[in-house]
Structures are given as structure tokens and as C-alpha cells.
């Protein structure tokens, strides 16, 4: 058994959401929007906790690549709203493409259509972790938005 196989098996054993299963986000149960940016209060905290488990126990151990200036990473990724949004979308797609109702090509489609583009956007030198370096978090500055004369955006 290779180290990679052993690591893959240990990740599968530790992560509840690593096995193919449908995890119903809290808001979906009530027919409300279930994207994490719509959540607030305890629902947001719980969804972020569940997302964090998936990111830290499955996504990064299996798909994380070395940190370089061309592929930055921030261990404080939860402080980057853009990263949270990307990871949540990726996690929702994971559940859809690898769950019990997924087609046999679902995992391949997840890799092609979701994993690659999302990780490329997150790890892009101008992406959400652009100012972060190992051991140093820096919030990304957003461009200003001006209101028009009526007070509207």
C-alpha cells in the first residue's frame, strides 16, 4: 500500500462528508436559499463549521498543492469571504456530483468542471489570498464603490 493510498484511506475514515452522501444544508430544509452568503447567525456558524471540516479534512489533504508565490494560500481562509463563497460552492458541487444520486461520471465532472477552476481562482496570484504569505495573513482591499447623485449605487 502506498503512502498516498494510506493517506486517502485515513482521510476517508476521518471525514464524515468524504463518503458519498447528501448533506442537506440548514437553509435548504426550509426551501430558503442555501448558499452560505445568504446565511446569518447560528445557521452561518454551523454551515461554516461543516464547510471547514470538509476543506481541512478532505479538500486540502487530498487536493492542496504546495504554497508558492504563484499559488498563494492562507491558513486563515475563513477570514476571506470570497474564499468561503468559492469553497462552499465547491462543497455543494461535491455533494451533488459524488452523492448517492450522482451519475457514474459525477466525480470526473466534479474534477473537471468544479475543482480545477475553483482552485485556480483561489490560488491565483491575484486571487483572494494574494496578500497572504506563510505565517502572514493580509485582508484583500476591495475597490471603492461610489453612490450616484440620488444616494443609490
Protein backbone atom coordinates (compact mmCIF):
# COMPACT_ATOMS: atom_id res chain seq x y z
CA UNK A 1 0.00 0.00 0.00
CA UNK A 2 1.43 3.38 -0.98
CA UNK A 3 1.61 6.41 1.32
CA UNK A 4 -0.93 8.15 -0.93
CA UNK A 5 -3.38 5.25 -0.63
CA UNK A 6 -2.91 5.15 3.14
CA UNK A 7 -3.46 8.91 3.37
CA UNK A 8 -6.55 8.67 1.18
CA UNK A 9 -8.00 5.90 3.35
CA UNK A 10 -7.24 7.81 6.57
CA UNK A 11 -8.92 10.93 5.17
CA UNK A 12 -11.99 8.89 4.23
CA UNK A 13 -12.13 7.43 7.75
CA UNK A 14 -11.90 10.85 9.44
CA UNK A 15 -14.26 12.91 7.30
CA UNK A 16 -17.98 12.32 7.53
CA UNK A 17 -18.64 14.18 4.26
CA UNK A 18 -15.86 12.34 2.37
CA UNK A 19 -18.11 9.32 1.82
CA UNK A 20 -20.75 9.73 -0.88
CA UNK A 21 -23.74 11.14 0.94
CA UNK A 22 -26.13 14.01 0.61
CA UNK A 23 -25.68 16.58 3.33
CA UNK A 24 -28.65 18.90 3.36
CA UNK A 25 -27.62 22.45 4.26
CA UNK A 26 -29.73 24.02 7.02
CA UNK A 27 -31.46 26.59 4.81
CA UNK A 28 -32.38 24.03 2.12
CA UNK A 29 -34.56 22.18 4.63
CA UNK A 30 -36.77 25.28 4.78
CA UNK A 31 -36.77 25.89 0.99
CA UNK A 32 -34.69 29.04 1.51
CA UNK A 33 -31.52 29.84 -0.43
CA UNK A 34 -28.78 27.51 0.77
CA UNK A 35 -25.66 29.34 -0.42
CA UNK A 36 -23.61 30.28 2.64
CA UNK A 37 -23.55 34.01 1.86
CA UNK A 38 -27.31 34.11 2.48
CA UNK A 39 -26.91 32.63 5.96
CA UNK A 40 -26.69 34.60 9.16
CA UNK A 41 -26.30 33.94 12.85
CA UNK A 42 -26.23 30.34 14.06
CA UNK A 43 -27.01 28.91 10.59
CA UNK A 44 -23.92 30.63 9.15
CA UNK A 45 -21.73 29.47 12.04
CA UNK A 46 -22.91 25.86 11.67
CA UNK A 47 -22.53 25.82 7.89
CA UNK A 48 -19.02 27.32 8.17
CA UNK A 49 -18.12 24.67 10.75
CA UNK A 50 -19.26 21.90 8.42
CA UNK A 51 -17.54 23.51 5.42
CA UNK A 52 -14.33 23.88 7.45
CA UNK A 53 -14.34 20.19 8.27
CA UNK A 54 -14.63 19.29 4.58
CA UNK A 55 -11.97 21.80 3.48
CA UNK A 56 -9.47 20.84 6.18
CA UNK A 57 -10.03 17.08 6.35
CA UNK A 58 -10.60 16.25 2.69
CA UNK A 59 -10.02 19.05 0.20
CA UNK A 60 -6.63 20.36 1.34
CA UNK A 61 -5.08 17.00 2.35
CA UNK A 62 -6.07 15.45 -0.99
CA UNK A 63 -6.02 18.38 -3.44
CA UNK A 64 -3.92 21.07 -1.78
CA UNK A 65 -0.71 21.85 -3.57
CA UNK A 66 2.47 23.43 -2.34
CA UNK A 67 2.25 27.11 -1.45
CA UNK A 68 4.28 29.33 -3.76
CA UNK A 69 4.14 32.97 -4.84
CA UNK A 70 2.31 31.71 -7.94
CA UNK A 71 -0.17 29.67 -5.85
CA UNK A 72 -0.74 31.50 -2.56
CA UNK A 73 -2.71 30.07 0.36
CA UNK A 74 -3.93 31.49 3.64
CA UNK A 75 -4.35 29.22 6.67
CA UNK A 76 -6.84 31.83 7.91
CA UNK A 77 -9.01 31.28 4.80
CA UNK A 78 -12.20 31.73 6.88
CA UNK A 79 -11.36 35.44 7.06
CA UNK A 80 -11.66 35.73 3.27
CA UNK A 81 -15.35 35.92 2.34
CA UNK A 82 -14.53 35.27 -1.31
CA UNK A 83 -12.74 32.04 -0.36
CA UNK A 84 -15.67 30.94 1.79
CA UNK A 85 -18.02 31.50 -1.14
CA UNK A 86 -15.77 29.54 -3.53
CA UNK A 87 -15.27 26.67 -1.09
CA UNK A 88 -18.97 26.47 -0.29
CA UNK A 89 -19.89 26.28 -3.97
CA UNK A 90 -17.23 23.60 -4.46
CA UNK A 91 -18.55 21.64 -1.47
CA UNK A 92 -22.15 21.83 -2.73
CA UNK A 93 -20.98 20.56 -6.13
CA UNK A 94 -19.01 17.78 -4.36
CA UNK A 95 -22.18 16.63 -2.64
CA UNK A 96 -24.16 16.76 -5.88
CA UNK A 97 -21.53 15.01 -8.02
CA UNK A 98 -20.40 12.35 -5.54
CA UNK A 99 -23.58 11.67 -3.56
CA UNK A 100 -25.77 8.58 -3.83
CA UNK A 101 -27.82 10.05 -6.70
CA UNK A 102 -24.76 11.08 -8.74
CA UNK A 103 -24.06 9.51 -12.10
CA UNK A 104 -21.00 7.33 -12.59
CA UNK A 105 -19.29 10.24 -14.32
CA UNK A 106 -20.12 12.65 -11.47
CA UNK A 107 -16.71 12.54 -9.78
CA UNK A 108 -14.95 13.13 -13.10
CA UNK A 109 -17.27 16.05 -13.85
CA UNK A 110 -16.58 17.48 -10.38
CA UNK A 111 -12.84 17.39 -11.01
CA UNK A 112 -13.13 18.89 -14.49
CA UNK A 113 -15.90 21.45 -14.00
CA UNK A 114 -15.54 22.46 -10.37
CA UNK A 115 -12.27 21.53 -8.64
CA UNK A 116 -9.84 22.78 -11.28
CA UNK A 117 -11.46 26.15 -11.98
CA UNK A 118 -12.18 26.86 -8.31
CA UNK A 119 -8.69 26.04 -7.07
CA UNK A 120 -7.18 28.04 -9.95
CA UNK A 121 -9.28 31.07 -8.97
CA UNK A 122 -8.48 30.73 -5.26
CA UNK A 123 -4.76 30.09 -5.68
CA UNK A 124 -4.31 32.71 -8.42
CA UNK A 125 -1.61 35.29 -7.56
CA UNK A 126 -4.30 37.99 -7.77
CA UNK A 127 -6.99 35.87 -6.04
CA UNK A 128 -8.32 36.19 -2.50
CA UNK A 129 -5.04 35.07 -0.90
CA UNK A 130 -2.89 37.46 -2.97
CA UNK A 131 -1.50 39.38 0.00
CA UNK A 132 -1.07 36.36 2.25
CA UNK A 133 2.19 34.58 2.79
CA UNK A 134 3.06 31.66 5.07
CA UNK A 135 2.61 32.98 8.59
CA UNK A 136 1.19 36.32 7.43
CA UNK A 137 -2.49 36.99 6.71
CA UNK A 138 -3.49 40.18 4.90
CA UNK A 139 -7.06 41.12 4.09
CA UNK A 140 -7.52 41.95 0.44
CA UNK A 141 -8.52 45.53 -0.21
CA UNK A 142 -11.64 45.92 -2.32
CA UNK A 143 -12.16 48.71 -4.84
CA UNK A 144 -14.35 51.59 -3.67
CA UNK A 145 -17.94 51.86 -4.89
CA UNK A 146 -19.46 55.30 -5.28
CA UNK A 147 -23.11 56.18 -4.99
CA UNK A 148 -24.83 58.12 -7.73
CA UNK A 149 -26.35 61.56 -7.03
CA UNK A 150 -29.58 60.02 -5.69
CA UNK A 151 -27.80 58.08 -2.97
CA UNK A 152 -28.17 54.80 -4.86
CA UNK A 153 -25.37 52.61 -6.08
